[in-house]
Amino acid sequence: MDDAIALARDRMLTYQLLSSLYLKEVTADLLALMGREPSLQSGKLGEYISGLPAADLEEARVDAASDFAALFLGMSADPVAPYESVYTSPEHLLMQDARDEVLAAYRQEGLGYAGADNLPEDHIGTEFEFMAKLCEAEVAALEAGDAAEAERLRDVQRSFIREHLAVWVPQFCDDVEARARTLFYGGLAEVTRQLVASEADWAE
């Protein structure tokens, strides 16, 4: 049981971190914390983080903020839309079937919130936030000894991964990695792709 709680908590924290990084610009304080996180010391992101101790964190933050705006806020000639609908609808438009489907999934679990800052609910950061909340609820169920509820929550997670995250996030990550101007967001895309691939294997 302790191992199951630890795994669910680790997954919760990972999804929380990724959610925050896709929903808003990274702060200098978070960059400093990431520089001390062993689990992030591999791949492109690890290469980026390994240079942070000798870097000007405010300058690094400004560079990352500029890349965030260019990639996700449309402030470039070739932005990346962080919305499932854009990747899965025939017209590649916002607010299509995927948005309605994820909103229904949120409401089914009592989370009928609008996306952060009134973003469409199929934003990658909001989908990751939903996964984090499911993991958090799983931890609570396990700690309460409610094995049936914990398994139900795992089933919800598996379905959401198969029907949503695994469907579009890999292509989104390819696009981010191809267009990122900083190693930070190129590395974040790589980490995200690896996570979703691992989660998709678990969900099968």
C-alpha atoms as a PDB file:
ATOM      1  CA  MET A   1       0.000   0.000   0.000  1.00  0.00           C
ATOM      2  CA  ASP A   2       2.815   2.402   0.865  1.00  0.00           C
ATOM      3  CA  ASP A   3       4.362   1.854  -2.573  1.00  0.00           C
ATOM      4  CA  ALA A   4       1.034   2.593  -4.279  1.00  0.00           C
ATOM      5  CA  ILE A   5       0.650   5.820  -2.293  1.00  0.00           C
ATOM      6  CA  ALA A   6       4.205   6.885  -3.106  1.00  0.00           C
ATOM      7  CA  LEU A   7       3.695   6.196  -6.818  1.00  0.00           C
ATOM      8  CA  ALA A   8       0.402   8.102  -6.943  1.00  0.00           C
ATOM      9  CA  ARG A   9       1.959  11.020  -5.056  1.00  0.00           C
ATOM     10  CA  ASP A  10       4.962  11.114  -7.397  1.00  0.00           C
ATOM     11  CA  ARG A  11       2.669  11.131 -10.434  1.00  0.00           C
ATOM     12  CA  MET A  12       0.590  13.909  -8.841  1.00  0.00           C
ATOM     13  CA  LEU A  13       3.667  16.081  -8.297  1.00  0.00           C
ATOM     14  CA  THR A  14       4.915  15.478 -11.842  1.00  0.00           C
ATOM     15  CA  TYR A  15       1.591  16.461 -13.361  1.00  0.00           C
ATOM     16  CA  GLN A  16       1.363  19.509 -11.095  1.00  0.00           C
ATOM     17  CA  LEU A  17       4.786  20.699 -12.219  1.00  0.00           C
ATOM     18  CA  LEU A  18       4.076  20.184 -15.912  1.00  0.00           C
ATOM     19  CA  SER A  19       0.685  21.839 -15.577  1.00  0.00           C
ATOM     20  CA  SER A  20       2.196  24.954 -14.030  1.00  0.00           C
ATOM     21  CA  LEU A  21       4.963  25.145 -16.651  1.00  0.00           C
ATOM     22  CA  TYR A  22       2.481  25.071 -19.528  1.00  0.00           C
ATOM     23  CA  LEU A  23      -0.049  27.426 -17.963  1.00  0.00           C
ATOM     24  CA  LYS A  24       2.268  30.289 -17.047  1.00  0.00           C
ATOM     25  CA  GLU A  25       5.772  31.632 -17.494  1.00  0.00           C
ATOM     26  CA  VAL A  26       8.439  30.048 -15.340  1.00  0.00           C
ATOM     27  CA  THR A  27       9.741  32.159 -12.449  1.00  0.00           C
ATOM     28  CA  ALA A  28      13.355  32.645 -11.388  1.00  0.00           C
ATOM     29  CA  ASP A  29      12.540  30.942  -8.066  1.00  0.00           C
ATOM     30  CA  LEU A  30      11.195  27.859  -9.867  1.00  0.00           C
ATOM     31  CA  LEU A  31      14.249  27.755 -12.105  1.00  0.00           C
ATOM     32  CA  ALA A  32      16.415  27.747  -8.984  1.00  0.00           C
ATOM     33  CA  LEU A  33      14.385  24.896  -7.477  1.00  0.00           C
ATOM     34  CA  MET A  34      14.552  22.898 -10.707  1.00  0.00           C
ATOM     35  CA  GLY A  35      18.317  23.250 -10.622  1.00  0.00           C
ATOM     36  CA  ARG A  36      18.306  21.229  -7.384  1.00  0.00           C
ATOM     37  CA  GLU A  37      15.912  18.500  -8.583  1.00  0.00           C
ATOM     38  CA  PRO A  38      17.797  15.249  -9.422  1.00  0.00           C
ATOM     39  CA  SER A  39      14.906  13.797 -11.455  1.00  0.00           C
ATOM     40  CA  LEU A  40      15.307  16.589 -14.029  1.00  0.00           C
ATOM     41  CA  GLN A  41      19.010  16.076 -14.640  1.00  0.00           C
ATOM     42  CA  SER A  42      18.779  14.155 -17.919  1.00  0.00           C
ATOM     43  CA  GLY A  43      18.114  14.955 -21.567  1.00  0.00           C
ATOM     44  CA  LYS A  44      17.822  18.455 -22.958  1.00  0.00           C
ATOM     45  CA  LEU A  45      16.169  19.804 -19.835  1.00  0.00           C
ATOM     46  CA  GLY A  46      18.958  18.335 -17.733  1.00  0.00           C
ATOM     47  CA  GLU A  47      21.491  20.023 -19.999  1.00  0.00           C
ATOM     48  CA  TYR A  48      19.675  23.316 -19.534  1.00  0.00           C
ATOM     49  CA  ILE A  49      19.335  22.925 -15.773  1.00  0.00           C
ATOM     50  CA  SER A  50      22.980  21.912 -15.329  1.00  0.00           C
ATOM     51  CA  GLY A  51      23.973  25.370 -16.526  1.00  0.00           C
ATOM     52  CA  LEU A  52      21.676  27.271 -14.181  1.00  0.00           C
ATOM     53  CA  PRO A  53      24.004  27.487 -11.147  1.00  0.00           C
ATOM     54  CA  ALA A  54      26.389  29.636 -13.174  1.00  0.00           C
ATOM     55  CA  ALA A  55      23.663  31.543 -15.011  1.00  0.00           C
ATOM     56  CA  ASP A  56      21.922  34.818 -14.351  1.00  0.00           C
ATOM     57  CA  LEU A  57      18.514  33.449 -13.314  1.00  0.00           C
ATOM     58  CA  GLU A  58      16.684  36.659 -14.128  1.00  0.00           C
ATOM     59  CA  GLU A  59      18.159  36.659 -17.623  1.00  0.00           C
ATOM     60  CA  ALA A  60      17.233  32.989 -17.986  1.00  0.00           C
ATOM     61  CA  ARG A  61      13.701  33.787 -16.837  1.00  0.00           C
ATOM     62  CA  VAL A  62      13.340  36.604 -19.362  1.00  0.00           C
ATOM     63  CA  ASP A  63      14.577  34.352 -22.185  1.00  0.00           C
ATOM     64  CA  ALA A  64      12.130  31.624 -21.141  1.00  0.00           C
ATOM     65  CA  ALA A  65       9.272  34.121 -20.868  1.00  0.00           C
ATOM     66  CA  SER A  66       9.960  35.346 -24.390  1.00  0.00           C
ATOM     67  CA  ASP A  67       9.930  31.767 -25.674  1.00  0.00           C
ATOM     68  CA  PHE A  68       6.704  31.023 -23.758  1.00  0.00           C
ATOM     69  CA  ALA A  69       5.014  33.996 -25.423  1.00  0.00           C
ATOM     70  CA  ALA A  70       6.304  33.034 -28.859  1.00  0.00           C
ATOM     71  CA  LEU A  71       5.263  29.406 -28.517  1.00  0.00           C
ATOM     72  CA  PHE A  72       1.982  29.506 -26.623  1.00  0.00           C
ATOM     73  CA  LEU A  73       0.630  33.065 -26.700  1.00  0.00           C
ATOM     74  CA  GLY A  74       0.767  33.574 -30.453  1.00  0.00           C
ATOM     75  CA  MET A  75       3.547  36.142 -30.312  1.00  0.00           C
ATOM     76  CA  SER A  76       5.476  34.680 -33.241  1.00  0.00           C
ATOM     77  CA  ALA A  77       4.925  33.761 -36.872  1.00  0.00           C
ATOM     78  CA  ASP A  78       4.720  30.044 -36.030  1.00  0.00           C
ATOM     79  CA  PRO A  79       3.192  29.443 -32.575  1.00  0.00           C
ATOM     80  CA  VAL A  80       2.097  26.104 -31.130  1.00  0.00           C
ATOM     81  CA  ALA A  81      -1.520  25.846 -29.992  1.00  0.00           C
ATOM     82  CA  PRO A  82      -1.585  24.075 -26.587  1.00  0.00           C
ATOM     83  CA  TYR A  83      -5.155  22.838 -27.130  1.00  0.00           C
ATOM     84  CA  GLU A  84      -6.364  19.334 -27.898  1.00  0.00           C
ATOM     85  CA  SER A  85      -9.119  20.563 -30.221  1.00  0.00           C
ATOM     86  CA  VAL A  86      -6.586  22.158 -32.566  1.00  0.00           C
ATOM     87  CA  TYR A  87      -4.821  18.816 -32.937  1.00  0.00           C
ATOM     88  CA  THR A  88      -7.826  16.523 -33.153  1.00  0.00           C
ATOM     89  CA  SER A  89     -10.565  18.433 -34.997  1.00  0.00           C
ATOM     90  CA  PRO A  90     -10.747  18.256 -38.810  1.00  0.00           C
ATOM     91  CA  GLU A  91     -10.753  22.070 -38.981  1.00  0.00           C
ATOM     92  CA  HIS A  92      -7.883  22.437 -36.444  1.00  0.00           C
ATOM     93  CA  LEU A  93      -9.954  24.950 -34.488  1.00  0.00           C
ATOM     94  CA  LEU A  94     -10.451  25.799 -30.830  1.00  0.00           C
ATOM     95  CA  MET A  95     -13.487  24.751 -28.797  1.00  0.00           C
ATOM     96  CA  GLN A  96     -14.322  21.609 -30.754  1.00  0.00           C
ATOM     97  CA  ASP A  97     -15.405  18.122 -29.620  1.00  0.00           C
ATOM     98  CA  ALA A  98     -12.269  17.496 -27.539  1.00  0.00           C
ATOM     99  CA  ARG A  99     -13.015  20.516 -25.367  1.00  0.00           C
ATOM    100  CA  ASP A 100     -16.553  19.274 -24.709  1.00  0.00           C
ATOM    101  CA  GLU A 101     -15.296  15.775 -23.932  1.00  0.00           C
ATOM    102  CA  VAL A 102     -12.658  16.847 -21.413  1.00  0.00           C
ATOM    103  CA  LEU A 103     -15.091  19.253 -19.752  1.00  0.00           C
ATOM    104  CA  ALA A 104     -17.526  16.360 -19.336  1.00  0.00           C
ATOM    105  CA  ALA A 105     -14.742  14.270 -17.787  1.00  0.00           C
ATOM    106  CA  TYR A 106     -13.906  17.085 -15.343  1.00  0.00           C
ATOM    107  CA  ARG A 107     -17.542  17.470 -14.353  1.00  0.00           C
ATOM    108  CA  GLN A 108     -17.933  13.706 -13.908  1.00  0.00           C
ATOM    109  CA  GLU A 109     -15.293  13.941 -11.199  1.00  0.00           C
ATOM    110  CA  GLY A 110     -16.819  17.061  -9.644  1.00  0.00           C
ATOM    111  CA  LEU A 111     -14.326  19.424 -11.275  1.00  0.00           C
ATOM    112  CA  GLY A 112     -16.492  21.550 -13.523  1.00  0.00           C
ATOM    113  CA  TYR A 113     -14.122  24.485 -13.537  1.00  0.00           C
ATOM    114  CA  ALA A 114     -13.283  26.721 -16.447  1.00  0.00           C
ATOM    115  CA  GLY A 115      -9.704  26.535 -17.571  1.00  0.00           C
ATOM    116  CA  ALA A 116      -7.143  28.673 -15.803  1.00  0.00           C
ATOM    117  CA  ASP A 117      -7.515  32.337 -16.740  1.00  0.00           C
ATOM    118  CA  ASN A 118     -10.608  31.385 -18.747  1.00  0.00           C
ATOM    119  CA  LEU A 119      -8.566  29.324 -21.204  1.00  0.00           C
ATOM    120  CA  PRO A 120     -10.412  26.580 -23.089  1.00  0.00           C
ATOM    121  CA  GLU A 121     -10.598  23.487 -20.919  1.00  0.00           C
ATOM    122  CA  ASP A 122      -8.600  21.321 -23.332  1.00  0.00           C
ATOM    123  CA  HIS A 123      -5.403  23.328 -22.729  1.00  0.00           C
ATOM    124  CA  ILE A 124      -2.554  20.927 -22.012  1.00  0.00           C
ATOM    125  CA  GLY A 125      -1.937  22.580 -18.647  1.00  0.00           C
ATOM    126  CA  THR A 126      -5.547  22.057 -17.591  1.00  0.00           C
ATOM    127  CA  GLU A 127      -5.559  18.446 -18.760  1.00  0.00           C
ATOM    128  CA  PHE A 128      -2.409  17.856 -16.704  1.00  0.00           C
ATOM    129  CA  GLU A 129      -4.020  19.630 -13.749  1.00  0.00           C
ATOM    130  CA  PHE A 130      -6.965  17.222 -14.018  1.00  0.00           C
ATOM    131  CA  MET A 131      -4.583  14.255 -13.955  1.00  0.00           C
ATOM    132  CA  ALA A 132      -2.878  15.717 -10.882  1.00  0.00           C
ATOM    133  CA  LYS A 133      -6.225  16.026  -9.101  1.00  0.00           C
ATOM    134  CA  LEU A 134      -7.107  12.432  -9.966  1.00  0.00           C
ATOM    135  CA  CYS A 135      -3.782  11.281  -8.529  1.00  0.00           C
ATOM    136  CA  GLU A 136      -4.365  13.399  -5.432  1.00  0.00           C
ATOM    137  CA  ALA A 137      -7.787  11.801  -4.973  1.00  0.00           C
ATOM    138  CA  GLU A 138      -6.207   8.369  -5.443  1.00  0.00           C
ATOM    139  CA  VAL A 139      -3.711   9.128  -2.667  1.00  0.00           C
ATOM    140  CA  ALA A 140      -6.566  10.149  -0.371  1.00  0.00           C
ATOM    141  CA  ALA A 141      -8.517   6.984  -1.194  1.00  0.00           C
ATOM    142  CA  LEU A 142      -5.499   4.767  -0.539  1.00  0.00           C
ATOM    143  CA  GLU A 143      -4.752   6.521   2.746  1.00  0.00           C
ATOM    144  CA  ALA A 144      -8.385   5.991   3.765  1.00  0.00           C
ATOM    145  CA  GLY A 145      -8.169   2.295   2.906  1.00  0.00           C
ATOM    146  CA  ASP A 146     -10.730   2.601   0.093  1.00  0.00           C
ATOM    147  CA  ALA A 147      -9.167   0.254  -2.460  1.00  0.00           C
ATOM    148  CA  ALA A 148     -12.268   0.230  -4.669  1.00  0.00           C
ATOM    149  CA  GLU A 149     -12.297   4.026  -5.047  1.00  0.00           C
ATOM    150  CA  ALA A 150      -8.565   4.074  -5.700  1.00  0.00           C
ATOM    151  CA  GLU A 151      -8.996   1.535  -8.499  1.00  0.00           C
ATOM    152  CA  ARG A 152     -11.916   3.512  -9.941  1.00  0.00           C
ATOM    153  CA  LEU A 153      -9.752   6.610 -10.015  1.00  0.00           C
ATOM    154  CA  ARG A 154      -6.967   4.696 -11.746  1.00  0.00           C
ATOM    155  CA  ASP A 155      -9.495   3.550 -14.351  1.00  0.00           C
ATOM    156  CA  VAL A 156     -10.527   7.193 -14.938  1.00  0.00           C
ATOM    157  CA  GLN A 157      -6.873   8.129 -15.342  1.00  0.00           C
ATOM    158  CA  ARG A 158      -6.233   5.299 -17.811  1.00  0.00           C
ATOM    159  CA  SER A 159      -9.239   6.262 -19.903  1.00  0.00           C
ATOM    160  CA  PHE A 160      -8.231   9.934 -19.964  1.00  0.00           C
ATOM    161  CA  ILE A 161      -4.699   9.057 -21.014  1.00  0.00           C
ATOM    162  CA  ARG A 162      -5.863   6.730 -23.804  1.00  0.00           C
ATOM    163  CA  GLU A 163      -8.645   8.965 -25.091  1.00  0.00           C
ATOM    164  CA  HIS A 164      -6.949  12.338 -24.725  1.00  0.00           C
ATOM    165  CA  LEU A 165      -3.301  12.739 -23.693  1.00  0.00           C
ATOM    166  CA  ALA A 166      -1.894   9.914 -25.815  1.00  0.00           C
ATOM    167  CA  VAL A 167      -3.896  11.073 -28.830  1.00  0.00           C
ATOM    168  CA  TRP A 168      -2.435  14.537 -29.251  1.00  0.00           C
ATOM    169  CA  VAL A 169       0.330  15.394 -26.784  1.00  0.00           C
ATOM    170  CA  PRO A 170       3.130  13.542 -28.665  1.00  0.00           C
ATOM    171  CA  GLN A 171       2.550  15.635 -31.817  1.00  0.00           C
ATOM    172  CA  PHE A 172       2.259  18.775 -29.713  1.00  0.00           C
ATOM    173  CA  CYS A 173       5.635  17.975 -28.138  1.00  0.00           C
ATOM    174  CA  ASP A 174       7.198  17.440 -31.572  1.00  0.00           C
ATOM    175  CA  ASP A 175       5.951  20.871 -32.617  1.00  0.00           C
ATOM    176  CA  VAL A 176       7.212  22.572 -29.465  1.00  0.00           C
ATOM    177  CA  GLU A 177      10.612  20.918 -29.749  1.00  0.00           C
ATOM    178  CA  ALA A 178      10.916  21.979 -33.388  1.00  0.00           C
ATOM    179  CA  ARG A 179       9.990  25.627 -32.712  1.00  0.00           C
ATOM    180  CA  ALA A 180      11.406  26.327 -29.252  1.00  0.00           C
ATOM    181  CA  ARG A 181      14.081  28.987 -29.138  1.00  0.00           C
ATOM    182  CA  THR A 182      15.358  27.956 -25.711  1.00  0.00           C
ATOM    183  CA  LEU A 183      16.679  24.656 -24.444  1.00  0.00           C
ATOM    184  CA  PHE A 184      14.238  25.033 -21.557  1.00  0.00           C
ATOM    185  CA  TYR A 185      11.105  24.538 -23.676  1.00  0.00           C
ATOM    186  CA  GLY A 186      12.777  22.088 -26.037  1.00  0.00           C
ATOM    187  CA  GLY A 187      13.705  20.052 -22.978  1.00  0.00           C
ATOM    188  CA  LEU A 188      10.262  20.436 -21.437  1.00  0.00           C
ATOM    189  CA  ALA A 189       8.709  19.040 -24.619  1.00  0.00           C
ATOM    190  CA  GLU A 190      11.088  16.072 -24.509  1.00  0.00           C
ATOM    191  CA  VAL A 191      10.240  15.336 -20.857  1.00  0.00           C
ATOM    192  CA  THR A 192       6.519  15.666 -21.572  1.00  0.00           C
ATOM    193  CA  ARG A 193       6.701  13.267 -24.525  1.00  0.00           C
ATOM    194  CA  GLN A 194       8.530  10.695 -22.402  1.00  0.00           C
ATOM    195  CA  LEU A 195       6.005  11.024 -19.583  1.00  0.00           C
ATOM    196  CA  VAL A 196       2.987  10.583 -21.839  1.00  0.00           C
ATOM    197  CA  ALA A 197       4.601   7.580 -23.560  1.00  0.00           C
ATOM    198  CA  SER A 198       5.211   5.953 -20.182  1.00  0.00           C
ATOM    199  CA  GLU A 199       1.702   6.774 -19.001  1.00  0.00           C
ATOM    200  CA  ALA A 200       0.202   5.406 -22.212  1.00  0.00           C
ATOM    201  CA  ASP A 201       2.020   2.107 -21.654  1.00  0.00           C
ATOM    202  CA  TRP A 202       0.623   2.006 -18.116  1.00  0.00           C
ATOM    203  CA  ALA A 203      -2.887   2.791 -19.364  1.00  0.00           C
ATOM    204  CA  GLU A 204      -3.014  -0.145 -21.776  1.00  0.00           C
END
